Amino acid sequence: MPRRNRPHRSKSFQVDTSHRGSGTSFGASRVEHGPDGDWMVRTVPASQATKFYRCPGCDHEIRPGIAHVVAWPEAELGGVDERRHWHTGCWKARSRRGPTRRWS
């Protein structure tokens, strides 16, 4: 059987799973440290994605039923205005692309 290649995790991003959100209906929150600062990140499972959002990474829609992540600056705990919904792949690639002009 052929070997499966595992995705390479960039050393510039570190995930701190010791800080967990509580009382959420979504996935648990985690802190991600990167060159663009510290971010609170929460995974939204497909079954709980019920609205349309616009991804700041690619400027395309995130449709209901698509699993994605919600991220906001860690310093802005409770800052609803700073939360952004990202496609999971766009969030992981933000160091290479960054947000589109609309969001920067």
N, C-alpha and C. Protein backbone atom coordinates (compact mmCIF):
# COMPACT_ATOMS: atom_id res chain seq x y z
N MET A 1 0.85 -1.18 0.00
CA MET A 1 0.00 0.00 0.00
C MET A 1 0.90 1.24 0.00
N PRO A 2 0.59 2.23 -0.85
CA PRO A 2 1.40 3.44 -0.89
C PRO A 2 1.30 4.25 0.39
N ARG A 3 2.34 4.99 0.67
CA ARG A 3 2.39 5.83 1.86
C ARG A 3 1.58 7.10 1.63
N ARG A 4 0.88 7.54 2.64
CA ARG A 4 0.12 8.79 2.55
C ARG A 4 1.01 9.94 3.00
N ASN A 5 1.04 10.98 2.21
CA ASN A 5 1.78 12.17 2.62
C ASN A 5 0.94 12.98 3.58
N ARG A 6 1.54 13.40 4.65
CA ARG A 6 0.84 14.22 5.62
C ARG A 6 1.14 15.68 5.34
N PRO A 7 0.17 16.56 5.58
CA PRO A 7 0.41 17.98 5.32
C PRO A 7 1.53 18.51 6.20
N HIS A 8 2.34 19.37 5.62
CA HIS A 8 3.44 19.98 6.35
C HIS A 8 2.93 21.15 7.15
N ARG A 9 3.17 21.14 8.43
CA ARG A 9 2.73 22.23 9.30
C ARG A 9 3.83 23.27 9.39
N SER A 10 3.49 24.48 9.05
CA SER A 10 4.45 25.58 9.08
C SER A 10 4.90 25.86 10.50
N LYS A 11 6.19 26.12 10.67
CA LYS A 11 6.71 26.43 12.00
C LYS A 11 6.37 27.83 12.44
N SER A 12 5.92 28.69 11.51
CA SER A 12 5.60 30.06 11.87
C SER A 12 4.26 30.16 12.60
N PHE A 13 3.42 29.13 12.52
CA PHE A 13 2.14 29.14 13.21
C PHE A 13 2.16 28.07 14.29
N GLN A 14 1.76 28.45 15.48
CA GLN A 14 1.69 27.51 16.59
C GLN A 14 0.28 27.56 17.16
N VAL A 15 -0.22 26.42 17.55
CA VAL A 15 -1.56 26.34 18.11
C VAL A 15 -1.45 26.06 19.59
N ASP A 16 -2.11 26.86 20.39
CA ASP A 16 -2.13 26.69 21.84
C ASP A 16 -3.51 26.16 22.21
N THR A 17 -3.60 24.89 22.51
CA THR A 17 -4.90 24.29 22.82
C THR A 17 -5.22 24.33 24.31
N SER A 18 -4.36 24.95 25.12
CA SER A 18 -4.63 25.01 26.55
C SER A 18 -5.72 26.02 26.88
N HIS A 19 -5.98 26.97 26.00
CA HIS A 19 -7.00 27.99 26.21
C HIS A 19 -8.24 27.57 25.44
N ARG A 20 -9.24 27.12 26.11
CA ARG A 20 -10.47 26.64 25.47
C ARG A 20 -11.64 27.53 25.85
N GLY A 21 -12.50 27.78 24.87
CA GLY A 21 -13.72 28.51 25.15
C GLY A 21 -14.69 27.57 25.86
N SER A 22 -15.62 28.13 26.58
CA SER A 22 -16.57 27.28 27.27
C SER A 22 -17.98 27.75 26.95
N GLY A 23 -18.90 26.83 27.00
CA GLY A 23 -20.29 27.16 26.78
C GLY A 23 -20.63 27.54 25.36
N THR A 24 -19.91 27.02 24.39
CA THR A 24 -20.19 27.35 23.00
C THR A 24 -20.91 26.21 22.33
N SER A 25 -21.72 26.54 21.35
CA SER A 25 -22.40 25.49 20.60
C SER A 25 -21.56 25.05 19.41
N PHE A 26 -20.47 25.76 19.15
CA PHE A 26 -19.59 25.41 18.05
C PHE A 26 -18.42 24.61 18.59
N GLY A 27 -17.41 24.41 17.75
CA GLY A 27 -16.21 23.73 18.22
C GLY A 27 -15.52 24.56 19.28
N ALA A 28 -14.59 23.95 19.99
CA ALA A 28 -13.86 24.65 21.04
C ALA A 28 -12.95 25.70 20.44
N SER A 29 -12.80 26.82 21.14
CA SER A 29 -11.90 27.87 20.70
C SER A 29 -10.47 27.50 21.06
N ARG A 30 -9.56 28.00 20.24
CA ARG A 30 -8.14 27.78 20.51
C ARG A 30 -7.39 29.05 20.13
N VAL A 31 -6.21 29.21 20.66
CA VAL A 31 -5.38 30.36 20.33
C VAL A 31 -4.35 29.91 19.31
N GLU A 32 -4.20 30.66 18.23
CA GLU A 32 -3.16 30.40 17.24
C GLU A 32 -2.23 31.60 17.22
N HIS A 33 -0.93 31.31 17.35
CA HIS A 33 0.09 32.35 17.34
C HIS A 33 0.74 32.34 15.96
N GLY A 34 0.83 33.50 15.35
CA GLY A 34 1.44 33.59 14.03
C GLY A 34 2.10 34.94 13.83
N PRO A 35 2.73 35.14 12.67
CA PRO A 35 3.39 36.41 12.41
C PRO A 35 2.41 37.58 12.33
N ASP A 36 1.13 37.29 12.13
CA ASP A 36 0.12 38.35 12.08
C ASP A 36 -0.57 38.56 13.42
N GLY A 37 -0.02 38.01 14.49
CA GLY A 37 -0.56 38.19 15.83
C GLY A 37 -1.18 36.93 16.39
N ASP A 38 -1.81 37.07 17.54
CA ASP A 38 -2.47 35.95 18.21
C ASP A 38 -3.96 36.02 17.90
N TRP A 39 -4.52 34.89 17.52
CA TRP A 39 -5.91 34.82 17.08
C TRP A 39 -6.66 33.75 17.87
N MET A 40 -7.88 34.05 18.23
CA MET A 40 -8.80 33.05 18.75
C MET A 40 -9.47 32.45 17.52
N VAL A 41 -9.48 31.13 17.44
CA VAL A 41 -10.02 30.44 16.27
C VAL A 41 -11.01 29.39 16.75
N ARG A 42 -12.15 29.34 16.10
CA ARG A 42 -13.18 28.36 16.43
C ARG A 42 -13.61 27.67 15.14
N THR A 43 -13.69 26.36 15.17
CA THR A 43 -14.14 25.58 14.02
C THR A 43 -15.66 25.51 14.03
N VAL A 44 -16.25 25.74 12.88
CA VAL A 44 -17.71 25.64 12.72
C VAL A 44 -17.98 24.40 11.88
N PRO A 45 -18.57 23.36 12.47
CA PRO A 45 -18.89 22.16 11.70
C PRO A 45 -19.95 22.44 10.65
N ALA A 46 -19.97 21.65 9.61
CA ALA A 46 -20.92 21.84 8.51
C ALA A 46 -22.36 21.82 9.00
N SER A 47 -22.66 20.97 9.97
CA SER A 47 -24.03 20.86 10.46
C SER A 47 -24.51 22.12 11.19
N GLN A 48 -23.58 22.97 11.65
CA GLN A 48 -23.95 24.18 12.36
C GLN A 48 -23.73 25.45 11.54
N ALA A 49 -23.28 25.29 10.30
CA ALA A 49 -23.10 26.45 9.42
C ALA A 49 -24.43 26.69 8.71
N THR A 50 -25.17 27.69 9.16
CA THR A 50 -26.54 27.89 8.66
C THR A 50 -26.73 29.21 7.91
N LYS A 51 -25.69 30.04 7.82
CA LYS A 51 -25.82 31.34 7.16
C LYS A 51 -24.76 31.50 6.09
N PHE A 52 -24.96 32.49 5.22
CA PHE A 52 -23.96 32.85 4.22
C PHE A 52 -22.97 33.82 4.85
N TYR A 53 -21.69 33.64 4.56
CA TYR A 53 -20.65 34.56 4.99
C TYR A 53 -19.73 34.82 3.80
N ARG A 54 -18.94 35.86 3.87
CA ARG A 54 -17.96 36.16 2.82
C ARG A 54 -16.58 35.98 3.43
N CYS A 55 -15.77 35.11 2.83
CA CYS A 55 -14.43 34.81 3.32
C CYS A 55 -13.48 35.97 2.99
N PRO A 56 -12.77 36.51 3.98
CA PRO A 56 -11.83 37.60 3.70
C PRO A 56 -10.58 37.13 2.97
N GLY A 57 -10.32 35.84 2.94
CA GLY A 57 -9.13 35.32 2.27
C GLY A 57 -9.27 35.24 0.76
N CYS A 58 -10.47 34.88 0.28
CA CYS A 58 -10.67 34.72 -1.16
C CYS A 58 -11.80 35.59 -1.69
N ASP A 59 -12.55 36.22 -0.79
CA ASP A 59 -13.69 37.08 -1.14
C ASP A 59 -14.82 36.30 -1.81
N HIS A 60 -14.90 35.00 -1.57
CA HIS A 60 -16.00 34.17 -2.07
C HIS A 60 -16.93 33.85 -0.91
N GLU A 61 -18.14 33.43 -1.25
CA GLU A 61 -19.12 33.08 -0.23
C GLU A 61 -18.76 31.78 0.47
N ILE A 62 -19.10 31.72 1.75
CA ILE A 62 -19.11 30.47 2.50
C ILE A 62 -20.59 30.14 2.63
N ARG A 63 -21.03 29.12 1.97
CA ARG A 63 -22.45 28.77 1.93
C ARG A 63 -22.85 27.96 3.16
N PRO A 64 -24.14 27.97 3.50
CA PRO A 64 -24.61 27.12 4.59
C PRO A 64 -24.26 25.66 4.32
N GLY A 65 -23.89 24.95 5.36
CA GLY A 65 -23.53 23.54 5.23
C GLY A 65 -22.06 23.31 4.91
N ILE A 66 -21.25 24.37 4.84
CA ILE A 66 -19.82 24.24 4.58
C ILE A 66 -19.07 24.48 5.88
N ALA A 67 -18.28 23.51 6.30
CA ALA A 67 -17.46 23.67 7.51
C ALA A 67 -16.43 24.77 7.26
N HIS A 68 -16.18 25.59 8.28
CA HIS A 68 -15.23 26.69 8.15
C HIS A 68 -14.72 27.08 9.53
N VAL A 69 -13.93 28.15 9.61
CA VAL A 69 -13.44 28.63 10.90
C VAL A 69 -13.86 30.09 11.10
N VAL A 70 -13.98 30.46 12.35
CA VAL A 70 -14.23 31.85 12.73
C VAL A 70 -13.00 32.29 13.51
N ALA A 71 -12.44 33.45 13.15
CA ALA A 71 -11.23 33.94 13.82
C ALA A 71 -11.41 35.40 14.18
N TRP A 72 -10.81 35.78 15.32
CA TRP A 72 -10.79 37.17 15.74
C TRP A 72 -9.53 37.39 16.57
N PRO A 73 -9.03 38.64 16.61
CA PRO A 73 -7.82 38.91 17.38
C PRO A 73 -8.01 38.53 18.85
N GLU A 74 -7.01 37.89 19.44
CA GLU A 74 -7.13 37.43 20.83
C GLU A 74 -7.34 38.61 21.78
N ALA A 75 -6.74 39.73 21.51
CA ALA A 75 -6.87 40.90 22.37
C ALA A 75 -8.31 41.41 22.40
N GLU A 76 -9.11 41.04 21.42
CA GLU A 76 -10.49 41.51 21.31
C GLU A 76 -11.46 40.46 21.81
N LEU A 77 -11.22 39.85 22.95
CA LEU A 77 -12.14 38.84 23.46
C LEU A 77 -13.53 39.44 23.57
N GLY A 78 -14.47 38.78 22.97
CA GLY A 78 -15.84 39.28 22.96
C GLY A 78 -16.09 40.33 21.91
N GLY A 79 -15.09 40.62 21.07
CA GLY A 79 -15.25 41.63 20.03
C GLY A 79 -15.98 41.05 18.83
N VAL A 80 -17.30 41.08 18.85
CA VAL A 80 -18.12 40.49 17.80
C VAL A 80 -17.83 41.15 16.46
N ASP A 81 -17.53 42.44 16.47
CA ASP A 81 -17.27 43.16 15.22
C ASP A 81 -15.98 42.70 14.54
N GLU A 82 -15.07 42.11 15.28
CA GLU A 82 -13.78 41.69 14.73
C GLU A 82 -13.79 40.25 14.22
N ARG A 83 -14.86 39.51 14.49
CA ARG A 83 -14.91 38.11 14.04
C ARG A 83 -15.06 38.04 12.54
N ARG A 84 -14.32 37.11 11.93
CA ARG A 84 -14.41 36.87 10.49
C ARG A 84 -14.54 35.37 10.25
N HIS A 85 -15.39 35.01 9.31
CA HIS A 85 -15.58 33.61 8.92
C HIS A 85 -14.69 33.34 7.71
N TRP A 86 -13.83 32.33 7.80
CA TRP A 86 -12.88 32.00 6.75
C TRP A 86 -13.11 30.57 6.27
N HIS A 87 -12.88 30.31 4.98
CA HIS A 87 -12.75 28.92 4.55
C HIS A 87 -11.54 28.35 5.29
N THR A 88 -11.58 27.12 5.65
CA THR A 88 -10.47 26.51 6.40
C THR A 88 -9.16 26.62 5.62
N GLY A 89 -9.19 26.34 4.33
CA GLY A 89 -7.98 26.44 3.52
C GLY A 89 -7.45 27.86 3.41
N CYS A 90 -8.36 28.82 3.30
CA CYS A 90 -7.94 30.23 3.23
C CYS A 90 -7.29 30.67 4.54
N TRP A 91 -7.85 30.21 5.66
CA TRP A 91 -7.28 30.55 6.96
C TRP A 91 -5.86 30.00 7.08
N LYS A 92 -5.66 28.76 6.66
CA LYS A 92 -4.33 28.15 6.75
C LYS A 92 -3.33 28.82 5.82
N ALA A 93 -3.81 29.39 4.72
CA ALA A 93 -2.93 30.01 3.72
C ALA A 93 -2.79 31.52 3.90
N ARG A 94 -3.31 32.08 4.98
CA ARG A 94 -3.32 33.54 5.12
C ARG A 94 -1.93 34.15 5.17
N SER A 95 -0.91 33.39 5.60
CA SER A 95 0.45 33.94 5.63
C SER A 95 1.01 34.12 4.23
N ARG A 96 0.50 33.35 3.29
CA ARG A 96 0.97 33.46 1.90
C ARG A 96 0.15 34.47 1.10
N ARG A 97 -1.13 34.65 1.49
CA ARG A 97 -2.02 35.51 0.71
C ARG A 97 -2.48 36.73 1.46
N GLY A 98 -2.85 36.57 2.70
CA GLY A 98 -3.43 37.68 3.47
C GLY A 98 -4.86 37.93 3.04
N PRO A 99 -5.54 38.83 3.75
CA PRO A 99 -6.92 39.14 3.37
C PRO A 99 -6.98 39.94 2.07
N THR A 100 -8.11 39.87 1.40
CA THR A 100 -8.29 40.64 0.18
C THR A 100 -8.37 42.13 0.52
N ARG A 101 -8.29 42.98 -0.47
CA ARG A 101 -8.29 44.43 -0.25
C ARG A 101 -9.52 44.90 0.50
N ARG A 102 -10.62 44.23 0.25
CA ARG A 102 -11.88 44.61 0.89
C ARG A 102 -11.76 44.55 2.42
N TRP A 103 -10.95 43.66 2.96
CA TRP A 103 -10.87 43.44 4.39
C TRP A 103 -9.62 44.05 5.02
N SER A 104 -8.68 44.51 4.24
CA SER A 104 -7.46 45.03 4.85
C SER A 104 -7.51 46.52 5.10
